[in-house]
N, C-alpha and C. Protein backbone atom coordinates (compact mmCIF):
# COMPACT_ATOMS: atom_id res chain seq x y z
N MET A 1 265.96 118.68 90.51
CA MET A 1 264.94 119.65 90.83
C MET A 1 264.14 119.16 92.04
N ASP A 2 263.85 120.06 92.95
CA ASP A 2 263.05 119.72 94.12
C ASP A 2 261.57 119.93 93.81
N TYR A 3 260.79 118.93 94.16
CA TYR A 3 259.34 118.99 93.95
C TYR A 3 258.65 118.86 95.30
N THR A 4 257.64 119.66 95.53
CA THR A 4 256.82 119.46 96.71
C THR A 4 255.92 118.26 96.46
N LEU A 5 255.35 117.72 97.51
CA LEU A 5 254.44 116.59 97.35
C LEU A 5 253.22 117.00 96.53
N ASN A 6 252.71 118.20 96.74
CA ASN A 6 251.56 118.67 95.93
C ASN A 6 251.92 118.75 94.45
N LYS A 7 253.12 119.22 94.14
CA LYS A 7 253.56 119.31 92.75
C LYS A 7 253.69 117.90 92.15
N LYS A 8 254.22 116.97 92.92
CA LYS A 8 254.34 115.59 92.45
C LYS A 8 252.95 115.01 92.14
N TYR A 9 251.99 115.28 93.00
CA TYR A 9 250.63 114.79 92.77
C TYR A 9 250.06 115.36 91.46
N LYS A 10 250.30 116.64 91.21
CA LYS A 10 249.79 117.26 89.98
C LYS A 10 250.46 116.65 88.75
N LEU A 11 251.75 116.39 88.83
CA LEU A 11 252.46 115.77 87.72
C LEU A 11 251.99 114.33 87.49
N ILE A 12 251.79 113.60 88.57
CA ILE A 12 251.28 112.23 88.45
C ILE A 12 249.90 112.25 87.79
N ARG A 13 249.05 113.12 88.27
CA ARG A 13 247.69 113.19 87.71
C ARG A 13 247.71 113.53 86.22
N ALA A 14 248.55 114.47 85.83
CA ALA A 14 248.64 114.85 84.42
C ALA A 14 249.08 113.68 83.55
N GLN A 15 249.96 112.84 84.07
CA GLN A 15 250.42 111.67 83.32
C GLN A 15 249.40 110.53 83.36
N ILE A 16 248.79 110.35 84.50
CA ILE A 16 247.93 109.18 84.72
C ILE A 16 246.67 109.24 83.87
N ILE A 17 246.12 110.41 83.67
CA ILE A 17 244.86 110.50 82.90
C ILE A 17 245.06 110.22 81.42
N LYS A 18 246.30 110.20 80.96
CA LYS A 18 246.60 109.90 79.56
C LYS A 18 246.73 108.39 79.30
N GLN A 19 246.77 107.61 80.36
CA GLN A 19 247.04 106.18 80.24
C GLN A 19 245.82 105.42 79.71
N THR A 20 246.07 104.43 78.86
CA THR A 20 244.98 103.65 78.25
C THR A 20 245.04 102.17 78.64
N SER A 21 246.03 101.77 79.38
CA SER A 21 246.22 100.37 79.74
C SER A 21 245.19 99.91 80.77
N THR A 22 244.92 98.62 80.78
CA THR A 22 244.09 98.01 81.82
C THR A 22 244.97 97.34 82.88
N SER A 23 246.27 97.56 82.80
CA SER A 23 247.23 97.02 83.77
C SER A 23 247.72 98.15 84.68
N PRO A 24 247.32 98.14 85.95
CA PRO A 24 247.81 99.19 86.84
C PRO A 24 249.32 99.12 87.05
N ILE A 25 249.89 97.93 86.90
CA ILE A 25 251.34 97.78 87.05
C ILE A 25 252.05 98.48 85.90
N GLU A 26 251.58 98.26 84.70
CA GLU A 26 252.15 98.92 83.53
C GLU A 26 252.03 100.44 83.65
N ILE A 27 250.90 100.90 84.12
CA ILE A 27 250.68 102.34 84.29
C ILE A 27 251.64 102.89 85.35
N ALA A 28 251.69 102.25 86.50
CA ALA A 28 252.57 102.73 87.58
C ALA A 28 254.03 102.73 87.15
N LYS A 29 254.47 101.63 86.52
CA LYS A 29 255.87 101.55 86.10
C LYS A 29 256.23 102.65 85.11
N SER A 30 255.32 103.00 84.23
CA SER A 30 255.63 104.04 83.25
C SER A 30 255.86 105.38 83.93
N ILE A 31 255.20 105.62 85.03
CA ILE A 31 255.34 106.90 85.74
C ILE A 31 256.47 106.84 86.77
N MET A 32 256.76 105.66 87.30
CA MET A 32 257.83 105.51 88.28
C MET A 32 259.19 105.96 87.73
N HIS A 33 259.35 105.95 86.44
CA HIS A 33 260.61 106.35 85.82
C HIS A 33 260.78 107.86 85.71
N GLU A 34 259.73 108.62 86.00
CA GLU A 34 259.82 110.08 85.90
C GLU A 34 260.74 110.62 87.00
N ASP A 35 261.39 111.74 86.73
CA ASP A 35 262.35 112.30 87.69
C ASP A 35 261.70 112.80 88.98
N TYR A 36 260.43 113.02 88.98
CA TYR A 36 259.74 113.51 90.18
C TYR A 36 259.25 112.37 91.08
N ILE A 37 259.54 111.14 90.71
CA ILE A 37 259.18 109.99 91.55
C ILE A 37 260.45 109.47 92.21
N SER A 38 260.51 109.55 93.52
CA SER A 38 261.66 109.06 94.28
C SER A 38 261.64 107.53 94.33
N MET A 39 262.78 106.97 94.66
CA MET A 39 262.84 105.52 94.84
C MET A 39 261.84 105.10 95.92
N HIS A 40 261.84 105.85 97.00
CA HIS A 40 260.90 105.64 98.11
C HIS A 40 260.31 107.00 98.43
N GLY A 41 259.04 107.06 98.73
CA GLY A 41 258.47 108.33 99.11
C GLY A 41 256.96 108.32 99.08
N PRO A 42 256.36 109.28 99.78
CA PRO A 42 254.90 109.32 99.91
C PRO A 42 254.16 109.60 98.61
N GLU A 43 254.84 110.01 97.54
CA GLU A 43 254.15 110.19 96.27
C GLU A 43 253.60 108.87 95.75
N HIS A 44 254.20 107.76 96.19
CA HIS A 44 253.70 106.44 95.80
C HIS A 44 252.29 106.19 96.35
N HIS A 45 251.96 106.83 97.46
CA HIS A 45 250.64 106.64 98.05
C HIS A 45 249.55 107.10 97.09
N PHE A 46 249.82 108.14 96.34
CA PHE A 46 248.85 108.59 95.32
C PHE A 46 249.03 107.80 94.03
N LEU A 47 250.26 107.60 93.60
CA LEU A 47 250.54 106.92 92.33
C LEU A 47 249.92 105.53 92.29
N ASP A 48 250.04 104.77 93.35
CA ASP A 48 249.54 103.39 93.35
C ASP A 48 248.03 103.33 93.18
N GLY A 49 247.31 104.06 94.00
CA GLY A 49 245.85 104.05 93.90
C GLY A 49 245.36 104.67 92.61
N ALA A 50 246.04 105.72 92.14
CA ALA A 50 245.64 106.37 90.89
C ALA A 50 245.85 105.43 89.70
N SER A 51 246.95 104.69 89.69
CA SER A 51 247.18 103.70 88.63
C SER A 51 246.09 102.65 88.64
N PHE A 52 245.68 102.25 89.83
CA PHE A 52 244.61 101.26 89.98
C PHE A 52 243.29 101.81 89.45
N LEU A 53 242.96 103.04 89.83
CA LEU A 53 241.70 103.64 89.38
C LEU A 53 241.64 103.77 87.86
N VAL A 54 242.73 104.21 87.25
CA VAL A 54 242.75 104.39 85.80
C VAL A 54 242.60 103.04 85.09
N ALA A 55 243.34 102.04 85.54
CA ALA A 55 243.25 100.72 84.92
C ALA A 55 241.85 100.14 85.10
N TYR A 56 241.26 100.34 86.26
CA TYR A 56 239.90 99.88 86.53
C TYR A 56 238.92 100.52 85.56
N LYS A 57 239.02 101.82 85.39
CA LYS A 57 238.16 102.56 84.45
C LYS A 57 238.39 102.06 83.03
N ASN A 58 239.65 101.90 82.63
CA ASN A 58 239.98 101.45 81.28
C ASN A 58 239.50 100.02 81.01
N ALA A 59 239.35 99.23 82.06
CA ALA A 59 238.86 97.86 81.93
C ALA A 59 237.34 97.78 81.93
N GLY A 60 236.69 98.92 81.98
CA GLY A 60 235.22 98.94 81.93
C GLY A 60 234.57 99.14 83.28
N GLY A 61 235.37 99.33 84.32
CA GLY A 61 234.81 99.59 85.65
C GLY A 61 234.14 100.94 85.69
N GLU A 62 233.06 101.01 86.43
CA GLU A 62 232.31 102.27 86.51
C GLU A 62 232.86 103.13 87.64
N VAL A 63 233.45 104.25 87.24
CA VAL A 63 233.97 105.21 88.20
C VAL A 63 234.14 106.55 87.47
N ASN A 64 233.76 107.62 88.15
CA ASN A 64 234.01 108.96 87.62
C ASN A 64 235.47 109.27 87.94
N LEU A 65 236.33 109.19 86.95
CA LEU A 65 237.77 109.26 87.17
C LEU A 65 238.20 110.59 87.78
N ASP A 66 237.68 111.70 87.30
CA ASP A 66 238.07 113.00 87.86
C ASP A 66 237.73 113.09 89.34
N GLU A 67 236.51 112.73 89.68
CA GLU A 67 236.09 112.76 91.09
C GLU A 67 236.89 111.77 91.92
N ALA A 68 237.14 110.59 91.37
CA ALA A 68 237.87 109.55 92.10
C ALA A 68 239.31 109.98 92.37
N LEU A 69 239.97 110.58 91.38
CA LEU A 69 241.35 111.04 91.58
C LEU A 69 241.41 112.19 92.58
N ASP A 70 240.41 113.07 92.56
CA ASP A 70 240.34 114.15 93.56
C ASP A 70 240.21 113.56 94.97
N ALA A 71 239.31 112.61 95.12
CA ALA A 71 239.09 111.99 96.43
C ALA A 71 240.34 111.24 96.89
N LEU A 72 240.97 110.54 95.97
CA LEU A 72 242.19 109.79 96.32
C LEU A 72 243.29 110.76 96.76
N ALA A 73 243.46 111.85 96.05
CA ALA A 73 244.49 112.83 96.42
C ALA A 73 244.24 113.38 97.82
N LYS A 74 243.00 113.69 98.14
CA LYS A 74 242.67 114.21 99.48
C LYS A 74 242.99 113.19 100.56
N ARG A 75 242.75 111.92 100.28
CA ARG A 75 243.00 110.88 101.28
C ARG A 75 244.48 110.57 101.42
N THR A 76 245.17 110.45 100.30
CA THR A 76 246.56 110.00 100.36
C THR A 76 247.54 111.09 100.76
N ILE A 77 247.21 112.35 100.56
CA ILE A 77 248.11 113.44 100.96
C ILE A 77 248.27 113.44 102.48
N MET A 78 247.31 112.85 103.20
CA MET A 78 247.39 112.78 104.66
C MET A 78 248.28 111.64 105.15
N MET A 79 248.65 110.72 104.26
CA MET A 79 249.46 109.57 104.66
C MET A 79 250.93 109.97 104.71
N PRO A 80 251.57 109.84 105.86
CA PRO A 80 252.98 110.21 105.93
C PRO A 80 253.87 109.16 105.26
N GLY A 81 255.05 109.60 104.88
CA GLY A 81 256.04 108.64 104.41
C GLY A 81 256.45 107.74 105.55
N ALA A 82 257.00 106.60 105.23
CA ALA A 82 257.51 105.63 106.22
C ALA A 82 256.41 105.02 107.09
N MET A 83 255.18 104.99 106.58
CA MET A 83 254.07 104.37 107.31
C MET A 83 254.39 102.92 107.66
N CYS A 84 255.06 102.24 106.72
CA CYS A 84 255.32 100.81 106.92
C CYS A 84 256.12 100.57 108.20
N GLY A 85 257.15 101.36 108.41
CA GLY A 85 258.00 101.16 109.57
C GLY A 85 257.46 101.76 110.85
N TYR A 86 256.76 102.89 110.72
CA TYR A 86 256.30 103.59 111.91
C TYR A 86 254.87 103.26 112.32
N TRP A 87 254.05 102.81 111.39
CA TRP A 87 252.64 102.53 111.69
C TRP A 87 252.26 101.07 111.52
N GLY A 88 253.11 100.29 110.84
CA GLY A 88 252.76 98.89 110.57
C GLY A 88 251.72 98.75 109.48
N MET A 89 251.59 99.78 108.65
CA MET A 89 250.63 99.77 107.55
C MET A 89 251.30 100.38 106.33
N CYS A 90 251.37 99.64 105.26
CA CYS A 90 252.02 100.13 104.05
C CYS A 90 251.12 101.12 103.31
N GLY A 91 251.71 102.19 102.83
CA GLY A 91 250.97 103.19 102.07
C GLY A 91 250.40 102.65 100.77
N ALA A 92 251.08 101.66 100.17
CA ALA A 92 250.56 101.06 98.93
C ALA A 92 249.25 100.32 99.20
N ALA A 93 249.21 99.60 100.31
CA ALA A 93 247.98 98.88 100.68
C ALA A 93 246.87 99.87 101.00
N ALA A 94 247.21 100.91 101.73
CA ALA A 94 246.20 101.93 102.07
C ALA A 94 245.73 102.67 100.81
N SER A 95 246.62 102.90 99.87
CA SER A 95 246.27 103.61 98.64
C SER A 95 245.30 102.82 97.78
N VAL A 96 245.62 101.55 97.52
CA VAL A 96 244.71 100.73 96.72
C VAL A 96 243.43 100.44 97.51
N GLY A 97 243.55 100.29 98.83
CA GLY A 97 242.35 100.16 99.67
C GLY A 97 241.46 101.39 99.55
N ALA A 98 242.08 102.57 99.54
CA ALA A 98 241.32 103.82 99.36
C ALA A 98 240.66 103.85 97.99
N ALA A 99 241.39 103.40 96.96
CA ALA A 99 240.81 103.37 95.61
C ALA A 99 239.57 102.47 95.58
N LEU A 100 239.65 101.31 96.22
CA LEU A 100 238.49 100.41 96.28
C LEU A 100 237.33 101.06 97.01
N SER A 101 237.62 101.77 98.10
CA SER A 101 236.52 102.42 98.84
C SER A 101 235.91 103.56 98.03
N ILE A 102 236.71 104.23 97.22
CA ILE A 102 236.19 105.28 96.36
C ILE A 102 235.31 104.68 95.26
N ILE A 103 235.77 103.61 94.66
CA ILE A 103 235.00 102.94 93.61
C ILE A 103 233.63 102.53 94.13
N HIS A 104 233.58 102.01 95.35
CA HIS A 104 232.34 101.45 95.90
C HIS A 104 231.61 102.40 96.87
N HIS A 105 232.11 103.63 96.98
CA HIS A 105 231.49 104.63 97.85
C HIS A 105 231.38 104.13 99.29
N THR A 106 232.43 103.45 99.73
CA THR A 106 232.46 102.92 101.08
C THR A 106 232.89 104.01 102.06
N SER A 107 232.25 104.04 103.20
CA SER A 107 232.59 105.00 104.24
C SER A 107 232.71 104.26 105.57
N PRO A 108 233.11 104.95 106.63
CA PRO A 108 233.17 104.30 107.93
C PRO A 108 231.81 103.80 108.42
N LEU A 109 230.73 104.34 107.84
CA LEU A 109 229.39 103.94 108.26
C LEU A 109 228.75 102.91 107.34
N SER A 110 229.49 102.47 106.34
CA SER A 110 228.94 101.49 105.39
C SER A 110 228.65 100.17 106.10
N ASN A 111 227.55 99.58 105.71
CA ASN A 111 227.15 98.30 106.28
C ASN A 111 226.81 97.36 105.13
N ASP A 112 227.80 97.18 104.24
CA ASP A 112 227.59 96.33 103.08
C ASP A 112 228.82 95.46 102.86
N SER A 113 228.78 94.64 101.84
CA SER A 113 229.89 93.71 101.60
C SER A 113 231.16 94.44 101.16
N PHE A 114 231.04 95.64 100.59
CA PHE A 114 232.24 96.36 100.16
C PHE A 114 233.12 96.75 101.34
N TYR A 115 232.51 97.12 102.46
CA TYR A 115 233.27 97.44 103.67
C TYR A 115 234.12 96.23 104.06
N LYS A 116 233.49 95.08 104.11
CA LYS A 116 234.18 93.83 104.44
C LYS A 116 235.23 93.51 103.40
N ASP A 117 234.89 93.66 102.13
CA ASP A 117 235.83 93.35 101.05
C ASP A 117 237.09 94.20 101.13
N ASN A 118 236.94 95.50 101.40
CA ASN A 118 238.12 96.36 101.50
C ASN A 118 239.05 95.89 102.61
N MET A 119 238.48 95.52 103.73
CA MET A 119 239.29 95.01 104.85
C MET A 119 239.94 93.68 104.48
N GLU A 120 239.20 92.84 103.78
CA GLU A 120 239.76 91.55 103.34
C GLU A 120 240.95 91.77 102.43
N TYR A 121 240.82 92.68 101.47
CA TYR A 121 241.92 92.97 100.55
C TYR A 121 243.16 93.47 101.31
N THR A 122 242.99 94.53 102.12
CA THR A 122 244.16 95.12 102.77
C THR A 122 244.80 94.17 103.77
N SER A 123 244.00 93.41 104.49
CA SER A 123 244.59 92.51 105.48
C SER A 123 245.35 91.36 104.81
N SER A 124 244.83 90.82 103.71
CA SER A 124 245.55 89.75 103.01
C SER A 124 246.83 90.29 102.38
N LEU A 125 246.80 91.52 101.90
CA LEU A 125 247.98 92.14 101.31
C LEU A 125 249.05 92.40 102.37
N ILE A 126 248.67 92.96 103.48
CA ILE A 126 249.63 93.22 104.57
C ILE A 126 250.25 91.92 105.05
N LYS A 127 249.48 90.85 105.07
CA LYS A 127 250.03 89.53 105.46
C LYS A 127 251.12 89.13 104.48
N LYS A 128 250.88 89.27 103.18
CA LYS A 128 251.89 88.93 102.17
C LYS A 128 253.14 89.79 102.34
N MET A 129 252.94 91.06 102.59
CA MET A 129 254.08 91.96 102.78
C MET A 129 254.88 91.57 104.02
N SER A 130 254.17 91.17 105.08
CA SER A 130 254.87 90.79 106.31
C SER A 130 255.69 89.53 106.12
N GLU A 131 255.24 88.63 105.27
CA GLU A 131 255.98 87.40 105.01
C GLU A 131 257.29 87.67 104.27
N ILE A 132 257.31 88.71 103.45
CA ILE A 132 258.54 89.09 102.74
C ILE A 132 259.48 89.83 103.68
N GLY A 133 258.95 90.69 104.51
CA GLY A 133 259.76 91.45 105.45
C GLY A 133 260.34 92.71 104.86
N GLY A 134 261.22 93.34 105.62
CA GLY A 134 261.78 94.62 105.22
C GLY A 134 263.23 94.49 104.86
N PRO A 135 263.88 95.59 104.60
CA PRO A 135 263.39 96.95 104.75
C PRO A 135 262.42 97.36 103.66
N ARG A 136 261.91 98.55 103.82
CA ARG A 136 260.89 99.08 102.91
C ARG A 136 261.36 99.09 101.46
N CYS A 137 260.40 98.98 100.58
CA CYS A 137 260.63 99.22 99.15
C CYS A 137 259.29 99.64 98.56
N CYS A 138 259.18 100.90 98.19
CA CYS A 138 257.93 101.41 97.65
C CYS A 138 257.59 100.78 96.30
N LYS A 139 258.59 100.36 95.55
CA LYS A 139 258.33 99.71 94.26
C LYS A 139 257.79 98.30 94.49
N ARG A 140 258.46 97.51 95.32
CA ARG A 140 258.01 96.15 95.61
C ARG A 140 256.59 96.16 96.18
N ASN A 141 256.34 97.05 97.14
CA ASN A 141 255.02 97.07 97.76
C ASN A 141 253.95 97.59 96.81
N ALA A 142 254.31 98.49 95.90
CA ALA A 142 253.36 98.91 94.86
C ALA A 142 253.01 97.73 93.97
N PHE A 143 254.02 96.99 93.54
CA PHE A 143 253.76 95.83 92.67
C PHE A 143 252.89 94.79 93.38
N LEU A 144 253.15 94.56 94.66
CA LEU A 144 252.32 93.62 95.43
C LEU A 144 250.88 94.13 95.55
N ALA A 145 250.74 95.40 95.93
CA ALA A 145 249.40 95.98 96.13
C ALA A 145 248.59 95.96 94.84
N LEU A 146 249.24 96.32 93.75
CA LEU A 146 248.52 96.39 92.47
C LEU A 146 248.20 95.00 91.94
N SER A 147 249.13 94.06 92.01
CA SER A 147 248.85 92.72 91.50
C SER A 147 247.78 92.02 92.33
N GLU A 148 247.84 92.17 93.64
CA GLU A 148 246.80 91.58 94.49
C GLU A 148 245.46 92.29 94.27
N GLY A 149 245.50 93.59 94.03
CA GLY A 149 244.27 94.34 93.73
C GLY A 149 243.62 93.87 92.45
N VAL A 150 244.43 93.61 91.43
CA VAL A 150 243.91 93.09 90.16
C VAL A 150 243.25 91.73 90.39
N ARG A 151 243.95 90.84 91.06
CA ARG A 151 243.38 89.50 91.33
C ARG A 151 242.06 89.61 92.11
N PHE A 152 242.06 90.48 93.10
CA PHE A 152 240.89 90.67 93.95
C PHE A 152 239.69 91.17 93.15
N VAL A 153 239.89 92.21 92.35
CA VAL A 153 238.79 92.80 91.57
C VAL A 153 238.33 91.84 90.47
N ASN A 154 239.28 91.19 89.81
CA ASN A 154 238.89 90.23 88.77
C ASN A 154 238.03 89.12 89.34
N GLN A 155 238.38 88.65 90.53
CA GLN A 155 237.64 87.55 91.16
C GLN A 155 236.32 88.02 91.77
N LYS A 156 236.35 89.11 92.51
CA LYS A 156 235.17 89.56 93.26
C LYS A 156 234.14 90.31 92.43
N TYR A 157 234.62 91.14 91.48
CA TYR A 157 233.72 92.07 90.82
C TYR A 157 233.60 91.87 89.32
N GLY A 158 234.39 90.97 88.76
CA GLY A 158 234.27 90.66 87.34
C GLY A 158 234.74 91.74 86.40
N VAL A 159 235.47 92.72 86.89
CA VAL A 159 236.10 93.71 86.02
C VAL A 159 237.47 93.15 85.70
N GLN A 160 237.70 92.86 84.44
CA GLN A 160 238.92 92.15 84.06
C GLN A 160 240.07 93.09 83.76
N MET A 161 240.79 93.43 84.81
CA MET A 161 242.00 94.23 84.68
C MET A 161 243.14 93.28 84.29
N GLU A 162 244.14 93.81 83.62
CA GLU A 162 245.25 92.99 83.14
C GLU A 162 246.33 92.87 84.21
N LEU A 163 246.82 91.65 84.38
CA LEU A 163 247.92 91.40 85.31
C LEU A 163 249.16 91.09 84.49
N THR A 164 250.01 92.08 84.32
CA THR A 164 251.21 91.91 83.50
C THR A 164 252.35 91.34 84.35
N PRO A 165 253.25 90.59 83.71
CA PRO A 165 254.41 90.07 84.45
C PRO A 165 255.23 91.22 85.04
N ILE A 166 255.77 90.99 86.22
CA ILE A 166 256.49 92.05 86.91
C ILE A 166 257.95 91.64 87.09
N LYS A 167 258.82 92.43 86.51
CA LYS A 167 260.25 92.29 86.74
C LYS A 167 260.74 93.68 87.15
N CYS A 168 261.30 93.76 88.33
CA CYS A 168 261.73 95.05 88.86
C CYS A 168 263.00 95.51 88.16
N GLU A 169 262.93 96.71 87.64
CA GLU A 169 264.11 97.32 87.03
C GLU A 169 264.68 98.44 87.91
N PHE A 170 264.19 98.52 89.15
CA PHE A 170 264.61 99.58 90.06
C PHE A 170 265.66 99.12 91.07
N SER A 171 265.93 97.83 91.14
CA SER A 171 266.89 97.28 92.12
C SER A 171 268.22 98.01 92.15
N PRO A 172 268.83 98.33 91.01
CA PRO A 172 270.13 99.00 91.06
C PRO A 172 270.09 100.38 91.74
N HIS A 173 268.91 100.96 91.85
CA HIS A 173 268.76 102.29 92.44
C HIS A 173 268.32 102.23 93.90
N ASN A 174 268.18 101.01 94.43
CA ASN A 174 267.69 100.84 95.79
C ASN A 174 268.76 100.20 96.67
N PRO A 175 269.45 101.00 97.49
CA PRO A 175 270.50 100.43 98.33
C PRO A 175 269.98 99.42 99.36
N GLN A 176 268.69 99.44 99.64
CA GLN A 176 268.11 98.49 100.59
C GLN A 176 267.41 97.31 99.91
N CYS A 177 267.64 97.12 98.63
CA CYS A 177 266.98 96.02 97.91
C CYS A 177 267.27 94.69 98.59
N ILE A 178 266.25 93.87 98.74
CA ILE A 178 266.41 92.57 99.42
C ILE A 178 266.78 91.46 98.44
N GLY A 179 267.01 91.80 97.19
CA GLY A 179 267.51 90.84 96.21
C GLY A 179 266.60 89.65 96.03
N PRO A 180 267.13 88.44 96.20
CA PRO A 180 266.36 87.23 95.89
C PRO A 180 265.14 87.00 96.79
N ARG A 181 265.04 87.72 97.91
CA ARG A 181 263.83 87.61 98.74
C ARG A 181 262.66 88.34 98.10
N CYS A 182 262.93 89.23 97.16
CA CYS A 182 261.87 89.99 96.50
C CYS A 182 261.27 89.16 95.38
N PRO A 183 259.94 89.02 95.35
CA PRO A 183 259.32 88.23 94.31
C PRO A 183 259.44 88.84 92.91
N PHE A 184 259.92 90.07 92.81
CA PHE A 184 260.02 90.74 91.52
C PHE A 184 261.47 90.96 91.08
N ASN A 185 262.40 90.41 91.84
CA ASN A 185 263.82 90.54 91.52
C ASN A 185 264.12 89.81 90.21
N GLN A 186 264.90 90.43 89.36
CA GLN A 186 265.18 89.87 88.04
C GLN A 186 266.21 88.74 88.07
N LYS A 187 266.99 88.65 89.13
CA LYS A 187 268.07 87.67 89.14
C LYS A 187 267.64 86.34 89.73
């Protein structure tokens, strides 16, 4: 079945608000198996940040989830697919970065530590992604963005989100899988 990006966002949102885990990785993985989630695609830009927001809220973080998911959808729908190769910026990093800015009400005019923190998070994440190299993998980059986001929030803000072990079960479906170079490869 063909799904538009807007339809995928609605399906993701319907599933994501039911989640009770404090692990954004567990939340994302549960939805990644749905038929409307491609191996690679811009729907991950919403899925990654939304998984982060829900886990943050479930861990006791203060955020109005409905408003946050609306704001995230508006921001991530503008992100094109293949950002990693064409822009040098991964959509997973931008998605979780957007989630952090929504949580802290950060804007381009913010003059507080959250503005700096968001840049610190995304730049350290992009560095890690660059060390692994390509080709693209929306699953690998989601796992990196979410695990680094959990570490960052746990350390900086004291909201204890769960960091679950990550073993990729999507490799057989990814013709561009980098195998043992991937930190989440099962072999």
